[in-house]
Amino acid sequence: MWGRGGHDAVVLAADGSAGLEKPMQRLTIGGETLLQRAVRLAKETCPTRLLVVLGAHAESLAPLVTGTTIVFNPTWESGVASSLARAATALAGRAYPVLVTVVDQPCLATDHLQKLFAAYDGSCDVVSAYGEALGPPALLRPQSLALAGTLQGVPGDAAFRRLWAGAHPAAVRRDALSRRIGTPEDVADAIRAGLLDG
């Protein structure tokens, strides 16, 4: 078990993939969907509980992640903050740190998650740094995730940053994580770079 004393994990996968020909979660790397890949990487950390937050296309995506606890977010269109809030509610009262990952980072790999755990000592959150940003994946103290219920309406990764505002999180740099999949142009660029199947 990577986390000393255990940890929970959350995969945020509720996005609607507006403008893409198919749900972003169904795009593949080596035949494995981005959703299945994100769940596999989270499972490899041996979490005590693993939640997958689904929203858009939930009915068709749920069969891809059997063996996990699915949390449905009916207000997914309001942004990632609502998914964080659903996860916080589902894990309320638990004392474990929580690994939070997203589906749209094709460059995420096991070694980066290992570095997050290596940097975590319980005194602060450990987040990912890429470019000028801090964001997911992140290893959050339980009290940080509990703040998620106050973030409704906060857009994008700003919701993550609010969780550790003023708390001076530790950061593990991996600039490749700045490559995200959200637009047709992102998909085309990732295919050209060999990061997604064509």
N, C-alpha and C. Protein backbone atom coordinates (compact mmCIF):
# COMPACT_ATOMS: atom_id res chain seq x y z
N MET A 1 0.85 -1.19 0.00
CA MET A 1 0.00 0.00 0.00
C MET A 1 0.88 1.24 0.00
N TRP A 2 0.65 2.14 -0.92
CA TRP A 2 1.51 3.31 -1.03
C TRP A 2 1.35 4.26 0.15
N GLY A 3 0.07 4.58 0.46
CA GLY A 3 -0.17 5.53 1.53
C GLY A 3 0.06 4.90 2.88
N ARG A 4 0.82 5.58 3.73
CA ARG A 4 1.04 5.07 5.09
C ARG A 4 -0.29 5.11 5.84
N GLY A 5 -0.78 3.97 6.26
CA GLY A 5 -2.02 3.95 7.01
C GLY A 5 -3.27 3.98 6.16
N GLY A 6 -3.12 3.94 4.83
CA GLY A 6 -4.28 3.88 3.95
C GLY A 6 -4.66 5.23 3.35
N HIS A 7 -5.38 5.16 2.26
CA HIS A 7 -5.89 6.37 1.61
C HIS A 7 -7.10 5.99 0.78
N ASP A 8 -7.91 6.98 0.44
CA ASP A 8 -9.01 6.81 -0.49
C ASP A 8 -8.60 7.43 -1.82
N ALA A 9 -9.36 7.14 -2.88
CA ALA A 9 -9.07 7.71 -4.19
C ALA A 9 -10.37 8.08 -4.89
N VAL A 10 -10.31 9.16 -5.64
CA VAL A 10 -11.45 9.65 -6.41
C VAL A 10 -11.00 9.94 -7.83
N VAL A 11 -11.72 9.40 -8.80
CA VAL A 11 -11.49 9.73 -10.21
C VAL A 11 -12.66 10.59 -10.68
N LEU A 12 -12.37 11.82 -11.06
CA LEU A 12 -13.41 12.74 -11.53
C LEU A 12 -13.58 12.55 -13.03
N ALA A 13 -14.77 12.10 -13.44
CA ALA A 13 -14.99 11.74 -14.85
C ALA A 13 -16.37 12.15 -15.33
N ALA A 14 -16.87 13.29 -14.84
CA ALA A 14 -18.25 13.68 -15.14
C ALA A 14 -18.39 14.62 -16.33
N ASP A 15 -17.28 15.05 -16.91
CA ASP A 15 -17.31 16.07 -17.96
C ASP A 15 -18.13 15.64 -19.17
N GLY A 16 -18.75 16.63 -19.82
CA GLY A 16 -19.62 16.35 -20.95
C GLY A 16 -18.94 16.29 -22.30
N SER A 17 -17.67 16.68 -22.40
CA SER A 17 -16.90 16.59 -23.65
C SER A 17 -17.58 17.32 -24.79
N ALA A 18 -18.03 18.53 -24.53
CA ALA A 18 -18.72 19.31 -25.56
C ALA A 18 -17.81 19.52 -26.77
N GLY A 19 -18.36 19.29 -27.95
CA GLY A 19 -17.63 19.53 -29.18
C GLY A 19 -16.84 18.34 -29.69
N LEU A 20 -16.71 17.29 -28.89
CA LEU A 20 -15.98 16.11 -29.35
C LEU A 20 -16.94 15.13 -30.02
N GLU A 21 -16.40 14.32 -30.91
CA GLU A 21 -17.24 13.36 -31.64
C GLU A 21 -17.78 12.27 -30.73
N LYS A 22 -17.05 11.95 -29.66
CA LYS A 22 -17.53 10.97 -28.69
C LYS A 22 -17.06 11.42 -27.32
N PRO A 23 -17.61 10.87 -26.26
CA PRO A 23 -17.19 11.30 -24.94
C PRO A 23 -15.67 11.19 -24.76
N MET A 24 -15.07 12.21 -24.20
CA MET A 24 -13.62 12.21 -23.97
C MET A 24 -13.19 10.98 -23.19
N GLN A 25 -14.04 10.53 -22.27
CA GLN A 25 -13.71 9.37 -21.44
C GLN A 25 -13.52 8.11 -22.27
N ARG A 26 -14.09 8.08 -23.49
CA ARG A 26 -14.00 6.90 -24.35
C ARG A 26 -12.84 6.95 -25.34
N LEU A 27 -12.13 8.05 -25.41
CA LEU A 27 -10.92 8.09 -26.24
C LEU A 27 -9.93 7.08 -25.67
N THR A 28 -9.06 6.56 -26.54
CA THR A 28 -8.22 5.45 -26.10
C THR A 28 -6.73 5.72 -26.25
N ILE A 29 -5.98 5.06 -25.39
CA ILE A 29 -4.52 5.01 -25.46
C ILE A 29 -4.16 3.53 -25.47
N GLY A 30 -3.61 3.04 -26.56
CA GLY A 30 -3.28 1.63 -26.65
C GLY A 30 -4.49 0.73 -26.46
N GLY A 31 -5.65 1.20 -26.91
CA GLY A 31 -6.87 0.41 -26.81
C GLY A 31 -7.59 0.54 -25.48
N GLU A 32 -6.99 1.22 -24.52
CA GLU A 32 -7.60 1.40 -23.20
C GLU A 32 -8.23 2.79 -23.14
N THR A 33 -9.50 2.89 -22.73
CA THR A 33 -10.13 4.20 -22.69
C THR A 33 -9.47 5.06 -21.61
N LEU A 34 -9.59 6.38 -21.80
CA LEU A 34 -9.04 7.30 -20.80
C LEU A 34 -9.67 7.06 -19.44
N LEU A 35 -10.97 6.73 -19.42
CA LEU A 35 -11.63 6.45 -18.15
C LEU A 35 -11.04 5.21 -17.50
N GLN A 36 -10.93 4.13 -18.25
CA GLN A 36 -10.38 2.90 -17.68
C GLN A 36 -8.93 3.09 -17.25
N ARG A 37 -8.19 3.88 -18.00
CA ARG A 37 -6.79 4.13 -17.66
C ARG A 37 -6.68 4.88 -16.33
N ALA A 38 -7.50 5.93 -16.18
CA ALA A 38 -7.47 6.71 -14.94
C ALA A 38 -7.84 5.84 -13.75
N VAL A 39 -8.83 4.98 -13.93
CA VAL A 39 -9.25 4.09 -12.83
C VAL A 39 -8.15 3.08 -12.53
N ARG A 40 -7.52 2.53 -13.57
CA ARG A 40 -6.43 1.58 -13.35
C ARG A 40 -5.28 2.21 -12.57
N LEU A 41 -4.89 3.41 -12.97
CA LEU A 41 -3.79 4.08 -12.27
C LEU A 41 -4.16 4.35 -10.81
N ALA A 42 -5.41 4.73 -10.56
CA ALA A 42 -5.85 4.95 -9.18
C ALA A 42 -5.85 3.63 -8.40
N LYS A 43 -6.30 2.55 -9.03
CA LYS A 43 -6.33 1.25 -8.35
C LYS A 43 -4.92 0.78 -7.98
N GLU A 44 -3.94 1.11 -8.82
CA GLU A 44 -2.58 0.67 -8.56
C GLU A 44 -2.01 1.26 -7.28
N THR A 45 -2.63 2.34 -6.77
CA THR A 45 -2.17 2.92 -5.51
C THR A 45 -2.74 2.18 -4.31
N CYS A 46 -3.60 1.18 -4.56
CA CYS A 46 -4.20 0.35 -3.50
C CYS A 46 -5.03 1.16 -2.51
N PRO A 47 -6.02 1.92 -3.01
CA PRO A 47 -6.83 2.71 -2.09
C PRO A 47 -7.76 1.85 -1.24
N THR A 48 -8.11 2.37 -0.09
CA THR A 48 -9.08 1.71 0.77
C THR A 48 -10.47 1.77 0.15
N ARG A 49 -10.81 2.93 -0.43
CA ARG A 49 -12.04 3.09 -1.21
C ARG A 49 -11.70 3.82 -2.49
N LEU A 50 -12.36 3.45 -3.57
CA LEU A 50 -12.17 4.12 -4.86
C LEU A 50 -13.53 4.55 -5.39
N LEU A 51 -13.68 5.86 -5.57
CA LEU A 51 -14.91 6.41 -6.13
C LEU A 51 -14.65 6.92 -7.53
N VAL A 52 -15.61 6.71 -8.42
CA VAL A 52 -15.58 7.29 -9.76
C VAL A 52 -16.80 8.18 -9.89
N VAL A 53 -16.58 9.47 -10.09
CA VAL A 53 -17.69 10.41 -10.22
C VAL A 53 -18.05 10.56 -11.69
N LEU A 54 -19.25 10.14 -12.04
CA LEU A 54 -19.76 10.22 -13.41
C LEU A 54 -20.90 11.22 -13.48
N GLY A 55 -21.07 11.81 -14.64
CA GLY A 55 -22.17 12.75 -14.85
C GLY A 55 -22.71 12.58 -16.25
N ALA A 56 -22.14 13.31 -17.22
CA ALA A 56 -22.55 13.15 -18.61
C ALA A 56 -22.24 11.73 -19.09
N HIS A 57 -23.15 11.16 -19.85
CA HIS A 57 -22.97 9.83 -20.44
C HIS A 57 -22.78 8.74 -19.36
N ALA A 58 -23.27 8.98 -18.16
CA ALA A 58 -23.01 8.06 -17.06
C ALA A 58 -23.50 6.64 -17.36
N GLU A 59 -24.66 6.52 -17.99
CA GLU A 59 -25.22 5.20 -18.23
C GLU A 59 -24.33 4.37 -19.15
N SER A 60 -23.74 5.01 -20.16
CA SER A 60 -22.89 4.26 -21.09
C SER A 60 -21.47 4.07 -20.55
N LEU A 61 -21.03 4.94 -19.63
CA LEU A 61 -19.67 4.84 -19.11
C LEU A 61 -19.57 3.90 -17.91
N ALA A 62 -20.63 3.76 -17.16
CA ALA A 62 -20.58 2.94 -15.94
C ALA A 62 -20.10 1.52 -16.19
N PRO A 63 -20.49 0.85 -17.29
CA PRO A 63 -20.00 -0.52 -17.52
C PRO A 63 -18.49 -0.61 -17.71
N LEU A 64 -17.83 0.52 -17.99
CA LEU A 64 -16.38 0.51 -18.18
C LEU A 64 -15.63 0.44 -16.87
N VAL A 65 -16.31 0.72 -15.76
CA VAL A 65 -15.61 0.81 -14.47
C VAL A 65 -16.26 -0.08 -13.41
N THR A 66 -16.58 -1.29 -13.80
CA THR A 66 -17.13 -2.24 -12.84
C THR A 66 -16.10 -2.49 -11.74
N GLY A 67 -16.59 -2.79 -10.56
CA GLY A 67 -15.69 -3.04 -9.43
C GLY A 67 -15.28 -1.78 -8.69
N THR A 68 -15.87 -0.65 -9.05
CA THR A 68 -15.62 0.59 -8.32
C THR A 68 -16.95 1.10 -7.76
N THR A 69 -16.86 2.07 -6.87
CA THR A 69 -18.07 2.73 -6.37
C THR A 69 -18.34 3.94 -7.25
N ILE A 70 -19.47 3.95 -7.93
CA ILE A 70 -19.82 5.05 -8.82
C ILE A 70 -20.68 6.05 -8.06
N VAL A 71 -20.28 7.30 -8.14
CA VAL A 71 -21.05 8.41 -7.57
C VAL A 71 -21.57 9.23 -8.74
N PHE A 72 -22.88 9.39 -8.82
CA PHE A 72 -23.46 10.14 -9.93
C PHE A 72 -23.60 11.61 -9.56
N ASN A 73 -23.16 12.48 -10.44
CA ASN A 73 -23.27 13.92 -10.23
C ASN A 73 -24.28 14.49 -11.24
N PRO A 74 -25.52 14.72 -10.81
CA PRO A 74 -26.52 15.22 -11.75
C PRO A 74 -26.31 16.68 -12.14
N THR A 75 -25.45 17.39 -11.41
CA THR A 75 -25.20 18.80 -11.73
C THR A 75 -23.81 18.98 -12.33
N TRP A 76 -23.34 17.97 -13.08
CA TRP A 76 -22.00 18.00 -13.64
C TRP A 76 -21.75 19.21 -14.53
N GLU A 77 -22.82 19.74 -15.16
CA GLU A 77 -22.64 20.88 -16.06
C GLU A 77 -22.16 22.13 -15.34
N SER A 78 -22.33 22.18 -14.02
CA SER A 78 -21.91 23.36 -13.27
C SER A 78 -20.41 23.38 -13.02
N GLY A 79 -19.70 22.30 -13.36
CA GLY A 79 -18.25 22.30 -13.24
C GLY A 79 -17.70 21.27 -12.27
N VAL A 80 -16.38 21.20 -12.23
CA VAL A 80 -15.70 20.18 -11.44
C VAL A 80 -15.96 20.34 -9.95
N ALA A 81 -16.27 21.57 -9.51
CA ALA A 81 -16.53 21.78 -8.08
C ALA A 81 -17.68 20.92 -7.59
N SER A 82 -18.69 20.74 -8.44
CA SER A 82 -19.84 19.94 -8.02
C SER A 82 -19.46 18.47 -7.87
N SER A 83 -18.53 18.00 -8.72
CA SER A 83 -18.06 16.62 -8.59
C SER A 83 -17.21 16.44 -7.33
N LEU A 84 -16.38 17.43 -7.04
CA LEU A 84 -15.60 17.37 -5.80
C LEU A 84 -16.53 17.34 -4.58
N ALA A 85 -17.60 18.13 -4.65
CA ALA A 85 -18.55 18.15 -3.54
C ALA A 85 -19.23 16.79 -3.36
N ARG A 86 -19.59 16.14 -4.46
CA ARG A 86 -20.20 14.80 -4.38
C ARG A 86 -19.22 13.81 -3.75
N ALA A 87 -17.97 13.89 -4.15
CA ALA A 87 -16.96 12.99 -3.58
C ALA A 87 -16.78 13.25 -2.10
N ALA A 88 -16.75 14.54 -1.72
CA ALA A 88 -16.59 14.89 -0.31
C ALA A 88 -17.74 14.34 0.52
N THR A 89 -18.96 14.42 -0.01
CA THR A 89 -20.12 13.89 0.71
C THR A 89 -20.01 12.38 0.87
N ALA A 90 -19.59 11.70 -0.19
CA ALA A 90 -19.48 10.24 -0.14
C ALA A 90 -18.40 9.77 0.82
N LEU A 91 -17.38 10.60 1.05
CA LEU A 91 -16.27 10.21 1.92
C LEU A 91 -16.31 10.93 3.26
N ALA A 92 -17.40 11.60 3.56
CA ALA A 92 -17.50 12.36 4.80
C ALA A 92 -17.26 11.48 6.02
N GLY A 93 -16.48 11.99 6.96
CA GLY A 93 -16.22 11.28 8.20
C GLY A 93 -15.05 10.32 8.16
N ARG A 94 -14.46 10.13 6.97
CA ARG A 94 -13.31 9.24 6.86
C ARG A 94 -12.03 10.02 7.12
N ALA A 95 -11.07 9.36 7.73
CA ALA A 95 -9.85 10.05 8.18
C ALA A 95 -8.67 9.90 7.24
N TYR A 96 -8.90 9.30 6.08
CA TYR A 96 -7.80 9.03 5.17
C TYR A 96 -7.52 10.21 4.25
N PRO A 97 -6.26 10.38 3.84
CA PRO A 97 -6.00 11.31 2.74
C PRO A 97 -6.66 10.78 1.47
N VAL A 98 -6.90 11.67 0.52
CA VAL A 98 -7.65 11.30 -0.67
C VAL A 98 -6.87 11.70 -1.93
N LEU A 99 -6.57 10.70 -2.75
CA LEU A 99 -5.97 10.95 -4.06
C LEU A 99 -7.10 11.34 -5.02
N VAL A 100 -6.98 12.52 -5.62
CA VAL A 100 -7.98 12.98 -6.58
C VAL A 100 -7.31 13.10 -7.95
N THR A 101 -7.85 12.36 -8.92
CA THR A 101 -7.32 12.43 -10.29
C THR A 101 -8.45 12.77 -11.26
N VAL A 102 -8.05 13.14 -12.46
CA VAL A 102 -9.01 13.44 -13.52
C VAL A 102 -8.71 12.54 -14.72
N VAL A 103 -9.60 12.55 -15.69
CA VAL A 103 -9.51 11.61 -16.80
C VAL A 103 -8.78 12.21 -18.01
N ASP A 104 -8.71 13.54 -18.07
CA ASP A 104 -8.28 14.20 -19.31
C ASP A 104 -6.79 14.51 -19.38
N GLN A 105 -5.95 13.78 -18.63
CA GLN A 105 -4.50 13.99 -18.66
C GLN A 105 -3.81 12.75 -19.23
N PRO A 106 -3.60 12.69 -20.54
CA PRO A 106 -3.04 11.48 -21.14
C PRO A 106 -1.59 11.21 -20.74
N CYS A 107 -0.91 12.21 -20.19
CA CYS A 107 0.49 12.01 -19.80
C CYS A 107 0.66 11.57 -18.35
N LEU A 108 -0.44 11.38 -17.64
CA LEU A 108 -0.32 10.90 -16.26
C LEU A 108 0.22 9.48 -16.25
N ALA A 109 1.15 9.22 -15.33
CA ALA A 109 1.75 7.89 -15.22
C ALA A 109 1.95 7.54 -13.75
N THR A 110 2.17 6.26 -13.50
CA THR A 110 2.30 5.76 -12.15
C THR A 110 3.40 6.46 -11.37
N ASP A 111 4.53 6.74 -12.04
CA ASP A 111 5.65 7.33 -11.31
C ASP A 111 5.30 8.68 -10.70
N HIS A 112 4.44 9.44 -11.36
CA HIS A 112 4.05 10.74 -10.79
C HIS A 112 3.19 10.54 -9.54
N LEU A 113 2.28 9.60 -9.58
CA LEU A 113 1.46 9.33 -8.39
C LEU A 113 2.35 8.85 -7.25
N GLN A 114 3.34 8.03 -7.54
CA GLN A 114 4.26 7.58 -6.50
C GLN A 114 4.97 8.77 -5.85
N LYS A 115 5.33 9.76 -6.66
CA LYS A 115 6.01 10.94 -6.11
C LYS A 115 5.09 11.76 -5.22
N LEU A 116 3.80 11.82 -5.56
CA LEU A 116 2.85 12.52 -4.70
C LEU A 116 2.81 11.86 -3.32
N PHE A 117 2.74 10.54 -3.31
CA PHE A 117 2.68 9.82 -2.04
C PHE A 117 3.98 9.97 -1.26
N ALA A 118 5.10 9.95 -1.96
CA ALA A 118 6.39 10.09 -1.29
C ALA A 118 6.52 11.45 -0.61
N ALA A 119 5.88 12.47 -1.19
CA ALA A 119 5.98 13.83 -0.65
C ALA A 119 4.96 14.11 0.45
N TYR A 120 4.01 13.21 0.66
CA TYR A 120 2.92 13.47 1.61
C TYR A 120 3.32 13.03 3.02
N ASP A 121 3.24 13.97 3.97
CA ASP A 121 3.52 13.63 5.36
C ASP A 121 2.36 13.97 6.30
N GLY A 122 1.23 14.37 5.70
CA GLY A 122 0.05 14.68 6.50
C GLY A 122 -0.04 16.12 6.96
N SER A 123 1.02 16.89 6.77
CA SER A 123 1.00 18.27 7.25
C SER A 123 0.37 19.24 6.25
N CYS A 124 0.33 18.84 4.98
CA CYS A 124 -0.26 19.69 3.94
C CYS A 124 -0.65 18.82 2.76
N ASP A 125 -1.45 19.40 1.87
CA ASP A 125 -1.80 18.70 0.64
C ASP A 125 -0.58 18.62 -0.27
N VAL A 126 -0.57 17.63 -1.15
CA VAL A 126 0.47 17.53 -2.16
C VAL A 126 -0.22 17.58 -3.52
N VAL A 127 0.19 18.53 -4.36
CA VAL A 127 -0.49 18.79 -5.61
C VAL A 127 0.50 18.68 -6.77
N SER A 128 -0.03 18.69 -7.97
CA SER A 128 0.81 18.62 -9.16
C SER A 128 1.06 20.03 -9.69
N ALA A 129 2.28 20.26 -10.15
CA ALA A 129 2.64 21.55 -10.74
C ALA A 129 2.97 21.34 -12.20
N TYR A 130 2.37 22.16 -13.05
CA TYR A 130 2.68 22.09 -14.48
C TYR A 130 2.51 23.48 -15.07
N GLY A 131 3.54 23.91 -15.81
CA GLY A 131 3.53 25.29 -16.29
C GLY A 131 3.50 26.22 -15.09
N GLU A 132 2.57 27.16 -15.11
CA GLU A 132 2.40 28.09 -13.98
C GLU A 132 1.29 27.64 -13.05
N ALA A 133 0.71 26.48 -13.30
CA ALA A 133 -0.49 26.06 -12.57
C ALA A 133 -0.18 25.00 -11.51
N LEU A 134 -1.05 24.97 -10.50
CA LEU A 134 -1.12 23.86 -9.56
C LEU A 134 -2.48 23.22 -9.74
N GLY A 135 -2.53 21.88 -9.77
CA GLY A 135 -3.81 21.22 -10.00
C GLY A 135 -3.72 19.74 -9.75
N PRO A 136 -4.69 19.00 -10.28
CA PRO A 136 -4.69 17.55 -10.11
C PRO A 136 -3.66 16.89 -11.02
N PRO A 137 -3.28 15.68 -10.66
CA PRO A 137 -3.66 14.90 -9.49
C PRO A 137 -3.15 15.54 -8.21
N ALA A 138 -3.89 15.30 -7.14
CA ALA A 138 -3.52 15.86 -5.84
C ALA A 138 -3.83 14.84 -4.75
N LEU A 139 -3.02 14.87 -3.73
CA LEU A 139 -3.25 14.05 -2.55
C LEU A 139 -3.68 15.00 -1.44
N LEU A 140 -4.95 14.95 -1.11
CA LEU A 140 -5.55 15.92 -0.21
C LEU A 140 -5.74 15.36 1.19
N ARG A 141 -5.49 16.21 2.18
CA ARG A 141 -5.87 15.85 3.54
C ARG A 141 -7.39 15.78 3.59
N PRO A 142 -7.96 14.93 4.47
CA PRO A 142 -9.42 14.82 4.51
C PRO A 142 -10.12 16.14 4.78
N GLN A 143 -9.49 17.01 5.59
CA GLN A 143 -10.13 18.30 5.87
C GLN A 143 -10.14 19.21 4.66
N SER A 144 -9.19 19.02 3.75
CA SER A 144 -9.20 19.81 2.52
C SER A 144 -10.34 19.37 1.61
N LEU A 145 -10.51 18.06 1.44
CA LEU A 145 -11.62 17.60 0.60
C LEU A 145 -12.95 18.03 1.19
N ALA A 146 -13.04 18.06 2.52
CA ALA A 146 -14.30 18.45 3.16
C ALA A 146 -14.73 19.86 2.79
N LEU A 147 -13.78 20.71 2.39
CA LEU A 147 -14.11 22.08 1.98
C LEU A 147 -14.82 22.13 0.64
N ALA A 148 -14.83 21.02 -0.08
CA ALA A 148 -15.36 21.02 -1.44
C ALA A 148 -16.83 21.43 -1.51
N GLY A 149 -17.56 21.20 -0.46
CA GLY A 149 -18.97 21.58 -0.46
C GLY A 149 -19.20 23.07 -0.55
N THR A 150 -18.15 23.86 -0.31
CA THR A 150 -18.27 25.32 -0.37
C THR A 150 -17.88 25.88 -1.73
N LEU A 151 -17.59 25.02 -2.68
CA LEU A 151 -17.00 25.47 -3.94
C LEU A 151 -17.97 25.49 -5.11
N GLN A 152 -19.26 25.29 -4.88
CA GLN A 152 -20.21 25.23 -5.98
C GLN A 152 -20.08 26.45 -6.89
N GLY A 153 -19.95 26.20 -8.20
CA GLY A 153 -19.89 27.28 -9.16
C GLY A 153 -18.49 27.78 -9.46
N VAL A 154 -17.49 27.31 -8.73
CA VAL A 154 -16.12 27.72 -9.01
C VAL A 154 -15.65 26.98 -10.25
N PRO A 155 -15.14 27.68 -11.27
CA PRO A 155 -14.82 27.02 -12.55
C PRO A 155 -13.51 26.26 -12.54
N GLY A 156 -13.49 25.16 -13.30
CA GLY A 156 -12.27 24.43 -13.64
C GLY A 156 -11.36 24.12 -12.47
N ASP A 157 -10.05 24.16 -12.74
CA ASP A 157 -9.07 23.83 -11.72
C ASP A 157 -9.00 24.86 -10.62
N ALA A 158 -9.68 26.01 -10.80
CA ALA A 158 -9.76 26.97 -9.70
C ALA A 158 -10.41 26.32 -8.48
N ALA A 159 -11.30 25.36 -8.72
CA ALA A 159 -11.92 24.66 -7.60
C ALA A 159 -10.88 23.91 -6.78
N PHE A 160 -9.93 23.28 -7.45
CA PHE A 160 -8.85 22.61 -6.73
C PHE A 160 -8.03 23.61 -5.93
N ARG A 161 -7.69 24.72 -6.57
CA ARG A 161 -6.82 25.69 -5.90
C ARG A 161 -7.49 26.27 -4.66
N ARG A 162 -8.81 26.40 -4.67
CA ARG A 162 -9.52 26.90 -3.49
C ARG A 162 -9.38 25.95 -2.31
N LEU A 163 -9.21 24.67 -2.60
CA LEU A 163 -9.11 23.69 -1.51
C LEU A 163 -7.87 23.92 -0.66
N TRP A 164 -6.81 24.42 -1.29
CA TRP A 164 -5.59 24.60 -0.51
C TRP A 164 -5.17 26.07 -0.43
N ALA A 165 -6.11 26.97 -0.70
CA ALA A 165 -5.80 28.40 -0.62
C ALA A 165 -5.30 28.74 0.78
N GLY A 166 -4.12 29.33 0.84
CA GLY A 166 -3.55 29.72 2.11
C GLY A 166 -2.91 28.60 2.89
N ALA A 167 -2.97 27.38 2.34
CA ALA A 167 -2.44 26.23 3.08
C ALA A 167 -1.04 25.83 2.63
N HIS A 168 -0.51 26.49 1.59
CA HIS A 168 0.84 26.24 1.10
C HIS A 168 1.11 24.75 0.84
N PRO A 169 0.45 24.18 -0.17
CA PRO A 169 0.64 22.76 -0.44
C PRO A 169 2.04 22.47 -0.95
N ALA A 170 2.47 21.24 -0.75
CA ALA A 170 3.69 20.78 -1.41
C ALA A 170 3.34 20.51 -2.87
N ALA A 171 4.31 20.66 -3.75
CA ALA A 171 4.04 20.48 -5.17
C ALA A 171 5.07 19.56 -5.80
N VAL A 172 4.59 18.68 -6.67
CA VAL A 172 5.44 17.79 -7.44
C VAL A 172 5.29 18.17 -8.90
N ARG A 173 6.37 18.57 -9.54
CA ARG A 173 6.30 19.10 -10.90
C ARG A 173 6.29 18.00 -11.95
N ARG A 174 5.38 18.14 -12.91
CA ARG A 174 5.37 17.32 -14.13
C ARG A 174 4.69 18.15 -15.20
N ASP A 175 5.48 18.88 -15.95
CA ASP A 175 4.92 19.83 -16.91
C ASP A 175 4.09 19.15 -17.98
N ALA A 176 4.35 17.89 -18.27
CA ALA A 176 3.58 17.19 -19.30
C ALA A 176 2.10 17.10 -18.96
N LEU A 177 1.76 17.22 -17.67
CA LEU A 177 0.36 17.12 -17.27
C LEU A 177 -0.46 18.33 -17.71
N SER A 178 0.22 19.37 -18.17
CA SER A 178 -0.53 20.53 -18.67
C SER A 178 -1.26 20.21 -19.96
N ARG A 179 -0.89 19.11 -20.63
CA ARG A 179 -1.61 18.68 -21.84
C ARG A 179 -2.91 18.02 -21.40
N ARG A 180 -4.02 18.68 -21.70
CA ARG A 180 -5.34 18.19 -21.31
C ARG A 180 -6.16 17.92 -22.58
N ILE A 181 -7.19 17.11 -22.44
CA ILE A 181 -8.06 16.76 -23.56
C ILE A 181 -9.43 17.37 -23.31
N GLY A 182 -9.74 18.46 -24.04
CA GLY A 182 -11.03 19.09 -23.85
C GLY A 182 -11.68 19.59 -25.12
N THR A 183 -10.88 19.74 -26.16
CA THR A 183 -11.39 20.27 -27.43
C THR A 183 -10.96 19.36 -28.58
N PRO A 184 -11.61 19.50 -29.73
CA PRO A 184 -11.15 18.72 -30.90
C PRO A 184 -9.69 18.98 -31.23
N GLU A 185 -9.23 20.21 -31.03
CA GLU A 185 -7.83 20.54 -31.30
C GLU A 185 -6.91 19.79 -30.35
N ASP A 186 -7.32 19.68 -29.08
CA ASP A 186 -6.53 18.91 -28.11
C ASP A 186 -6.41 17.46 -28.54
N VAL A 187 -7.52 16.89 -29.01
CA VAL A 187 -7.51 15.50 -29.46
C VAL A 187 -6.56 15.32 -30.63
N ALA A 188 -6.68 16.22 -31.61
CA ALA A 188 -5.83 16.12 -32.81
C ALA A 188 -4.35 16.25 -32.44
N ASP A 189 -4.03 17.18 -31.55
CA ASP A 189 -2.64 17.37 -31.12
C ASP A 189 -2.12 16.13 -30.40
N ALA A 190 -2.96 15.54 -29.55
CA ALA A 190 -2.55 14.35 -28.80
C ALA A 190 -2.35 13.15 -29.71
N ILE A 191 -3.18 13.03 -30.74
CA ILE A 191 -3.01 11.93 -31.71
C ILE A 191 -1.70 12.12 -32.46
N ARG A 192 -1.42 13.35 -32.88
CA ARG A 192 -0.16 13.61 -33.60
C ARG A 192 1.05 13.33 -32.72
N ALA A 193 0.91 13.56 -31.42
CA ALA A 193 2.01 13.32 -30.48
C ALA A 193 2.11 11.87 -30.04
N GLY A 194 1.19 11.02 -30.53
CA GLY A 194 1.21 9.62 -30.15
C GLY A 194 0.67 9.35 -28.76
N LEU A 195 -0.08 10.31 -28.21
CA LEU A 195 -0.62 10.17 -26.85
C LEU A 195 -2.04 9.62 -26.83
N LEU A 196 -2.69 9.59 -28.00
CA LEU A 196 -4.01 8.99 -28.14
C LEU A 196 -4.00 8.16 -29.41
N ASP A 197 -4.83 7.12 -29.42
CA ASP A 197 -5.01 6.34 -30.64
C ASP A 197 -5.70 7.20 -31.68
N GLY A 198 -5.34 7.01 -32.94
CA GLY A 198 -5.95 7.77 -34.02
C GLY A 198 -7.31 7.23 -34.42
